Amino acid sequence: MVQAYILIQTEVGKAADVASEIGTISGVTQADDVTGPYDVIVRAEARSVDELGKLVVAQIQAVDGITRTLTCPIVHI
């Protein structure tokens, strides 16, 4: 299982709507609107890095109001 944090920047005033919609996507385990340089932080999981990439590109980035994402896979060192 691959897990990642996805840091999201949104259009002004869209953070709560984006977090709410992303929270309904299969594979997303948590989606919170936050303050700081990013507007929403998402925790997601998938069976492989390829599936994680498809989740981010095909589903998360398709949500209206997102301007940029940064995916940070979790590593266990």
C-alpha atoms as a PDB file:
ATOM      1  CA  MET A   1       0.000   0.000   0.000  1.00  0.00           C
ATOM      2  CA  VAL A   2       1.303   3.465  -0.968  1.00  0.00           C
ATOM      3  CA  GLN A   3       0.201   6.449   1.098  1.00  0.00           C
ATOM      4  CA  ALA A   4       0.755  10.137   0.414  1.00  0.00           C
ATOM      5  CA  TYR A   5      -0.072  13.632   1.512  1.00  0.00           C
ATOM      6  CA  ILE A   6      -1.350  15.836  -1.277  1.00  0.00           C
ATOM      7  CA  LEU A   7      -0.911  19.560  -0.706  1.00  0.00           C
ATOM      8  CA  ILE A   8      -3.416  21.643  -2.643  1.00  0.00           C
ATOM      9  CA  GLN A   9      -3.691  25.299  -3.544  1.00  0.00           C
ATOM     10  CA  THR A  10      -7.169  26.510  -4.500  1.00  0.00           C
ATOM     11  CA  GLU A  11      -8.839  29.555  -5.925  1.00  0.00           C
ATOM     12  CA  VAL A  12      -9.683  32.175  -3.286  1.00  0.00           C
ATOM     13  CA  GLY A  13     -12.665  31.114  -1.193  1.00  0.00           C
ATOM     14  CA  LYS A  14     -12.806  27.544  -2.549  1.00  0.00           C
ATOM     15  CA  ALA A  15     -10.834  25.604   0.099  1.00  0.00           C
ATOM     16  CA  ALA A  16     -13.815  24.294   2.081  1.00  0.00           C
ATOM     17  CA  ASP A  17     -15.700  23.214  -1.059  1.00  0.00           C
ATOM     18  CA  VAL A  18     -12.607  21.515  -2.501  1.00  0.00           C
ATOM     19  CA  ALA A  19     -11.865  19.651   0.756  1.00  0.00           C
ATOM     20  CA  SER A  20     -15.476  18.518   1.042  1.00  0.00           C
ATOM     21  CA  GLU A  21     -15.615  17.197  -2.523  1.00  0.00           C
ATOM     22  CA  ILE A  22     -12.219  15.492  -2.357  1.00  0.00           C
ATOM     23  CA  GLY A  23     -13.247  13.785   0.887  1.00  0.00           C
ATOM     24  CA  THR A  24     -15.807  11.746  -1.069  1.00  0.00           C
ATOM     25  CA  ILE A  25     -13.252  10.291  -3.521  1.00  0.00           C
ATOM     26  CA  SER A  26     -12.378   6.614  -3.081  1.00  0.00           C
ATOM     27  CA  GLY A  27      -8.791   6.275  -1.836  1.00  0.00           C
ATOM     28  CA  VAL A  28      -8.874   9.558   0.078  1.00  0.00           C
ATOM     29  CA  THR A  29      -8.687   8.878   3.811  1.00  0.00           C
ATOM     30  CA  GLN A  30      -8.687  12.491   5.016  1.00  0.00           C
ATOM     31  CA  ALA A  31      -9.175  15.944   3.481  1.00  0.00           C
ATOM     32  CA  ASP A  32      -8.865  19.113   5.562  1.00  0.00           C
ATOM     33  CA  ASP A  33      -8.855  22.801   4.701  1.00  0.00           C
ATOM     34  CA  VAL A  34      -5.939  24.527   6.422  1.00  0.00           C
ATOM     35  CA  THR A  35      -4.178  27.891   6.630  1.00  0.00           C
ATOM     36  CA  GLY A  36      -0.722  28.638   5.290  1.00  0.00           C
ATOM     37  CA  PRO A  37       0.855  28.274   1.858  1.00  0.00           C
ATOM     38  CA  TYR A  38      -1.563  25.437   0.989  1.00  0.00           C
ATOM     39  CA  ASP A  39      -5.329  25.552   1.328  1.00  0.00           C
ATOM     40  CA  VAL A  40      -6.184  21.839   1.583  1.00  0.00           C
ATOM     41  CA  ILE A  41      -4.152  18.850   2.786  1.00  0.00           C
ATOM     42  CA  VAL A  42      -5.277  15.389   1.741  1.00  0.00           C
ATOM     43  CA  ARG A  43      -4.117  11.970   2.885  1.00  0.00           C
ATOM     44  CA  ALA A  44      -4.659   9.252   0.297  1.00  0.00           C
ATOM     45  CA  GLU A  45      -3.739   5.633  -0.300  1.00  0.00           C
ATOM     46  CA  ALA A  46      -3.516   3.320  -3.291  1.00  0.00           C
ATOM     47  CA  ARG A  47      -2.141  -0.122  -4.118  1.00  0.00           C
ATOM     48  CA  SER A  48       0.788   1.236  -6.164  1.00  0.00           C
ATOM     49  CA  VAL A  49       2.544   4.457  -7.117  1.00  0.00           C
ATOM     50  CA  ASP A  50       0.898   4.246 -10.548  1.00  0.00           C
ATOM     51  CA  GLU A  51      -2.570   3.993  -9.000  1.00  0.00           C
ATOM     52  CA  LEU A  52      -1.752   6.882  -6.685  1.00  0.00           C
ATOM     53  CA  GLY A  53      -0.750   8.963  -9.705  1.00  0.00           C
ATOM     54  CA  LYS A  54      -3.999   8.087 -11.475  1.00  0.00           C
ATOM     55  CA  LEU A  55      -5.974   9.042  -8.350  1.00  0.00           C
ATOM     56  CA  VAL A  56      -4.282  12.442  -8.208  1.00  0.00           C
ATOM     57  CA  VAL A  57      -4.383  13.267 -11.923  1.00  0.00           C
ATOM     58  CA  ALA A  58      -7.734  11.780 -12.932  1.00  0.00           C
ATOM     59  CA  GLN A  59      -9.818  12.451  -9.837  1.00  0.00           C
ATOM     60  CA  ILE A  60      -8.316  14.945  -7.421  1.00  0.00           C
ATOM     61  CA  GLN A  61      -6.996  17.438  -9.980  1.00  0.00           C
ATOM     62  CA  ALA A  62     -10.366  17.286 -11.755  1.00  0.00           C
ATOM     63  CA  VAL A  63     -12.096  18.950  -8.784  1.00  0.00           C
ATOM     64  CA  ASP A  64     -13.210  22.473  -9.645  1.00  0.00           C
ATOM     65  CA  GLY A  65     -11.302  25.228  -7.850  1.00  0.00           C
ATOM     66  CA  ILE A  66      -7.867  23.552  -7.622  1.00  0.00           C
ATOM     67  CA  THR A  67      -4.967  25.564  -9.017  1.00  0.00           C
ATOM     68  CA  ARG A  68      -1.972  23.393  -7.992  1.00  0.00           C
ATOM     69  CA  THR A  69      -1.149  20.118  -6.250  1.00  0.00           C
ATOM     70  CA  LEU A  70       2.012  18.692  -4.708  1.00  0.00           C
ATOM     71  CA  THR A  71       2.071  14.959  -3.932  1.00  0.00           C
ATOM     72  CA  CYS A  72       4.320  13.802  -1.067  1.00  0.00           C
ATOM     73  CA  PRO A  73       4.524   9.986  -0.802  1.00  0.00           C
ATOM     74  CA  ILE A  74       5.030   8.665   2.711  1.00  0.00           C
ATOM     75  CA  VAL A  75       8.258   6.712   3.220  1.00  0.00           C
ATOM     76  CA  HIS A  76       9.162   4.400   6.076  1.00  0.00           C
ATOM     77  CA  ILE A  77      12.881   4.722   6.797  1.00  0.00           C
END
